[in-house]
C-alpha atoms as a PDB file:
ATOM      1  CA  MET A   1      17.108 -10.189 -11.874  1.00  0.00           C
ATOM      2  CA  LEU A   2      14.488  -8.032 -13.634  1.00  0.00           C
ATOM      3  CA  GLY A   3      12.949 -11.207 -15.035  1.00  0.00           C
ATOM      4  CA  ARG A   4      12.332 -12.513 -11.520  1.00  0.00           C
ATOM      5  CA  ILE A   5      10.776  -9.216 -10.434  1.00  0.00           C
ATOM      6  CA  ILE A   6       8.350  -8.947 -13.372  1.00  0.00           C
ATOM      7  CA  ASN A   7       7.574 -12.668 -13.496  1.00  0.00           C
ATOM      8  CA  THR A   8       3.829 -12.979 -13.137  1.00  0.00           C
ATOM      9  CA  GLY A   9       1.076 -15.501 -13.442  1.00  0.00           C
ATOM     10  CA  ASN A  10      -1.498 -15.314 -16.203  1.00  0.00           C
ATOM     11  CA  GLN A  11      -4.589 -14.789 -14.011  1.00  0.00           C
ATOM     12  CA  SER A  12      -6.874 -12.129 -15.419  1.00  0.00           C
ATOM     13  CA  THR A  13      -8.615 -11.569 -12.069  1.00  0.00           C
ATOM     14  CA  THR A  14      -5.422 -10.201 -10.457  1.00  0.00           C
ATOM     15  CA  VAL A  15      -6.340  -6.861 -12.005  1.00  0.00           C
ATOM     16  CA  LEU A  16      -9.143  -6.551  -9.411  1.00  0.00           C
ATOM     17  CA  ILE A  17      -6.646  -6.722  -6.529  1.00  0.00           C
ATOM     18  CA  ARG A  18      -4.344  -4.312  -8.358  1.00  0.00           C
ATOM     19  CA  LEU A  19      -7.191  -1.833  -8.856  1.00  0.00           C
ATOM     20  CA  MET A  20      -8.172  -1.988  -5.191  1.00  0.00           C
ATOM     21  CA  VAL A  21      -4.654  -1.729  -3.751  1.00  0.00           C
ATOM     22  CA  GLY A  22      -3.329   0.722  -6.324  1.00  0.00           C
ATOM     23  CA  ALA A  23      -6.291   3.111  -6.213  1.00  0.00           C
ATOM     24  CA  VAL A  24      -6.359   3.275  -2.403  1.00  0.00           C
ATOM     25  CA  PHE A  25      -2.624   3.889  -2.074  1.00  0.00           C
ATOM     26  CA  LEU A  26      -2.497   6.390  -4.951  1.00  0.00           C
ATOM     27  CA  SER A  27      -5.398   8.334  -3.441  1.00  0.00           C
ATOM     28  CA  GLU A  28      -4.005   8.238   0.101  1.00  0.00           C
ATOM     29  CA  GLY A  29      -0.561   9.296  -1.092  1.00  0.00           C
ATOM     30  CA  ILE A  30      -1.926  12.315  -2.963  1.00  0.00           C
ATOM     31  CA  GLN A  31      -4.078  13.270   0.035  1.00  0.00           C
ATOM     32  CA  LYS A  32      -1.002  13.296   2.298  1.00  0.00           C
ATOM     33  CA  PHE A  33       0.159  16.276   0.226  1.00  0.00           C
ATOM     34  CA  LEU A  34      -3.221  17.953  -0.322  1.00  0.00           C
ATOM     35  CA  PHE A  35      -4.271  17.687   3.327  1.00  0.00           C
ATOM     36  CA  ALA A  36      -0.911  17.514   5.094  1.00  0.00           C
ATOM     37  CA  ASP A  37      -2.234  18.797   8.432  1.00  0.00           C
ATOM     38  CA  GLN A  38      -4.936  16.122   8.671  1.00  0.00           C
ATOM     39  CA  LEU A  39      -3.461  13.159   6.744  1.00  0.00           C
ATOM     40  CA  GLY A  40       0.249  13.825   6.244  1.00  0.00           C
ATOM     41  CA  SER A  41       2.796  15.324   8.590  1.00  0.00           C
ATOM     42  CA  GLY A  42       0.099  16.577  10.980  1.00  0.00           C
ATOM     43  CA  ARG A  43      -1.370  13.094  11.348  1.00  0.00           C
ATOM     44  CA  PHE A  44       2.104  11.591  11.742  1.00  0.00           C
ATOM     45  CA  ALA A  45       2.906  14.056  14.534  1.00  0.00           C
ATOM     46  CA  LYS A  46      -0.386  13.225  16.268  1.00  0.00           C
ATOM     47  CA  ILE A  47       0.317   9.474  16.323  1.00  0.00           C
ATOM     48  CA  GLY A  48       3.931   9.936  17.437  1.00  0.00           C
ATOM     49  CA  ILE A  49       5.883   9.195  14.260  1.00  0.00           C
ATOM     50  CA  PRO A  50       9.317  10.794  14.663  1.00  0.00           C
ATOM     51  CA  ASN A  51      10.256  13.611  12.265  1.00  0.00           C
ATOM     52  CA  PRO A  52       6.741  13.921  10.802  1.00  0.00           C
ATOM     53  CA  ASP A  53       7.707  16.750   8.442  1.00  0.00           C
ATOM     54  CA  PHE A  54      10.031  14.298   6.696  1.00  0.00           C
ATOM     55  CA  PHE A  55       8.039  11.071   7.007  1.00  0.00           C
ATOM     56  CA  GLY A  56       4.665  12.545   5.953  1.00  0.00           C
ATOM     57  CA  PRO A  57       5.867  13.480   2.441  1.00  0.00           C
ATOM     58  CA  PHE A  58       8.208  10.462   2.329  1.00  0.00           C
ATOM     59  CA  VAL A  59       5.366   8.000   2.915  1.00  0.00           C
ATOM     60  CA  GLY A  60       3.043  10.031   0.683  1.00  0.00           C
ATOM     61  CA  SER A  61       5.578   9.796  -2.146  1.00  0.00           C
ATOM     62  CA  PHE A  62       5.906   6.032  -1.797  1.00  0.00           C
ATOM     63  CA  GLU A  63       2.136   5.584  -1.636  1.00  0.00           C
ATOM     64  CA  THR A  64       1.657   7.709  -4.755  1.00  0.00           C
ATOM     65  CA  VAL A  65       4.436   6.188  -6.869  1.00  0.00           C
ATOM     66  CA  CYS A  66       3.944   2.584  -5.754  1.00  0.00           C
ATOM     67  CA  GLY A  67       0.149   2.899  -5.989  1.00  0.00           C
ATOM     68  CA  LEU A  68       0.508   4.062  -9.599  1.00  0.00           C
ATOM     69  CA  LEU A  69       2.959   1.241 -10.396  1.00  0.00           C
ATOM     70  CA  VAL A  70       0.526  -1.301  -8.945  1.00  0.00           C
ATOM     71  CA  LEU A  71      -2.352   0.176 -10.974  1.00  0.00           C
ATOM     72  CA  LEU A  72      -0.266  -0.139 -14.137  1.00  0.00           C
ATOM     73  CA  GLY A  73       1.042  -3.556 -13.189  1.00  0.00           C
ATOM     74  CA  LEU A  74       4.618  -2.335 -13.654  1.00  0.00           C
ATOM     75  CA  LEU A  75       7.212  -3.798 -11.275  1.00  0.00           C
ATOM     76  CA  THR A  76       4.206  -4.937  -9.256  1.00  0.00           C
ATOM     77  CA  ARG A  77       6.076  -7.195  -6.844  1.00  0.00           C
ATOM     78  CA  LEU A  78       8.706  -4.565  -6.134  1.00  0.00           C
ATOM     79  CA  ALA A  79       6.101  -1.786  -5.709  1.00  0.00           C
ATOM     80  CA  ALA A  80       4.048  -3.879  -3.279  1.00  0.00           C
ATOM     81  CA  ILE A  81       6.948  -4.278  -0.815  1.00  0.00           C
ATOM     82  CA  PRO A  82       6.950  -0.651   0.454  1.00  0.00           C
ATOM     83  CA  LEU A  83       3.144  -0.733   0.551  1.00  0.00           C
ATOM     84  CA  LEU A  84       3.267  -3.824   2.757  1.00  0.00           C
ATOM     85  CA  THR A  85       5.745  -2.058   5.043  1.00  0.00           C
ATOM     86  CA  ILE A  86       3.555   1.054   5.211  1.00  0.00           C
ATOM     87  CA  MET A  87       0.570  -1.073   6.251  1.00  0.00           C
ATOM     88  CA  LEU A  88       2.508  -2.917   8.950  1.00  0.00           C
ATOM     89  CA  VAL A  89       3.669   0.394  10.419  1.00  0.00           C
ATOM     90  CA  ALA A  90       0.138   1.836  10.157  1.00  0.00           C
ATOM     91  CA  ILE A  91      -1.376  -1.124  11.995  1.00  0.00           C
ATOM     92  CA  VAL A  92       1.239  -1.051  14.761  1.00  0.00           C
ATOM     93  CA  THR A  93       1.184   2.722  15.261  1.00  0.00           C
ATOM     94  CA  THR A  94      -2.570   3.279  15.097  1.00  0.00           C
ATOM     95  CA  LYS A  95      -4.345   0.046  15.981  1.00  0.00           C
ATOM     96  CA  ALA A  96      -2.346  -1.207  18.984  1.00  0.00           C
ATOM     97  CA  GLU A  97      -3.664   1.698  21.062  1.00  0.00           C
ATOM     98  CA  VAL A  98      -7.241   1.013  19.930  1.00  0.00           C
ATOM     99  CA  LEU A  99      -6.806  -2.652  20.867  1.00  0.00           C
ATOM    100  CA  ALA A 100      -5.515  -1.754  24.332  1.00  0.00           C
ATOM    101  CA  LYS A 101      -8.098   0.965  24.956  1.00  0.00           C
ATOM    102  CA  ASP A 102     -11.263  -0.244  23.221  1.00  0.00           C
ATOM    103  CA  GLY A 103     -10.774  -3.962  22.682  1.00  0.00           C
ATOM    104  CA  PHE A 104     -10.399  -6.489  19.897  1.00  0.00           C
ATOM    105  CA  TRP A 105     -13.645  -5.881  18.013  1.00  0.00           C
ATOM    106  CA  GLU A 106     -13.223  -2.106  17.879  1.00  0.00           C
ATOM    107  CA  MET A 107      -9.672  -2.602  16.615  1.00  0.00           C
ATOM    108  CA  MET A 108     -10.869  -5.060  13.962  1.00  0.00           C
ATOM    109  CA  HIS A 109     -13.611  -2.676  12.853  1.00  0.00           C
ATOM    110  CA  GLY A 110     -11.214   0.253  12.614  1.00  0.00           C
ATOM    111  CA  SER A 111      -8.562  -1.714  10.753  1.00  0.00           C
ATOM    112  CA  ARG A 112     -10.638  -3.375   8.021  1.00  0.00           C
ATOM    113  CA  THR A 113      -9.113  -1.248   5.245  1.00  0.00           C
ATOM    114  CA  ASP A 114      -5.645  -1.736   6.733  1.00  0.00           C
ATOM    115  CA  TRP A 115      -6.062  -5.515   6.600  1.00  0.00           C
ATOM    116  CA  ALA A 116      -7.398  -5.391   3.036  1.00  0.00           C
ATOM    117  CA  MET A 117      -4.393  -3.335   1.896  1.00  0.00           C
ATOM    118  CA  LEU A 118      -1.950  -5.522   3.838  1.00  0.00           C
ATOM    119  CA  LEU A 119      -3.311  -8.786   2.424  1.00  0.00           C
ATOM    120  CA  GLY A 120      -3.706  -7.276  -1.054  1.00  0.00           C
ATOM    121  CA  SER A 121      -0.041  -6.245  -0.986  1.00  0.00           C
ATOM    122  CA  ILE A 122       1.014  -9.726   0.119  1.00  0.00           C
ATOM    123  CA  PHE A 123      -1.070 -11.223  -2.703  1.00  0.00           C
ATOM    124  CA  LEU A 124       0.671  -8.989  -5.260  1.00  0.00           C
ATOM    125  CA  ILE A 125       4.129  -9.821  -3.899  1.00  0.00           C
ATOM    126  CA  ILE A 126       3.342 -13.519  -4.281  1.00  0.00           C
ATOM    127  CA  ASN A 127       1.494 -13.428  -7.620  1.00  0.00           C
ATOM    128  CA  GLY A 128       2.786 -10.385  -9.481  1.00  0.00           C
ATOM    129  CA  GLY A 129       0.699  -8.185 -11.754  1.00  0.00           C
ATOM    130  CA  GLY A 130      -1.298 -10.851 -13.575  1.00  0.00           C
ATOM    131  CA  LYS A 131      -2.435 -11.197 -17.178  1.00  0.00           C
ATOM    132  CA  TRP A 132      -3.460  -7.561 -17.724  1.00  0.00           C
ATOM    133  CA  SER A 133      -0.266  -5.903 -16.549  1.00  0.00           C
ATOM    134  CA  ILE A 134       2.765  -4.246 -18.057  1.00  0.00           C
ATOM    135  CA  ASP A 135       4.835  -6.879 -16.234  1.00  0.00           C
ATOM    136  CA  ASN A 136       3.088  -9.572 -18.292  1.00  0.00           C
ATOM    137  CA  ARG A 137       3.718  -7.642 -21.516  1.00  0.00           C
ATOM    138  CA  LEU A 138       7.414  -7.344 -20.650  1.00  0.00           C
ATOM    139  CA  GLN A 139       7.566 -11.027 -19.721  1.00  0.00           C
ATOM    140  CA  HIS A 140       5.842 -12.143 -22.945  1.00  0.00           C
ATOM    141  CA  PRO A 141       6.697  -9.566 -25.647  1.00  0.00           C
END
């Protein structure tokens, strides 16, 4: 089972996607704790997420831990799954209203980072951590 999770291709360029996805999620996760009123539980309350005092730190923890795992290339596929879920929820809870109120192009403009993180997470689920990852080292000791 672990072998299937850490199985990865040998592409060296995958590290670029890992750096982008991992750094953004790690940073956003930490900021949910540092600036809880604006980016964590306060933001979650504002957009209507139920139980924001629980889900703010919960999501922040997943973003921090999974972002770090992606940066390291450790359990990359597994770490990218919660990040994909976080992005789907973020798009639905924040961009649907923009689409309805301000239109398609405003929604697309406001969601460019969301789409990059969503597609980056999908890429990592499909391809794994790549040549320069701990997953690759574990796969090929």
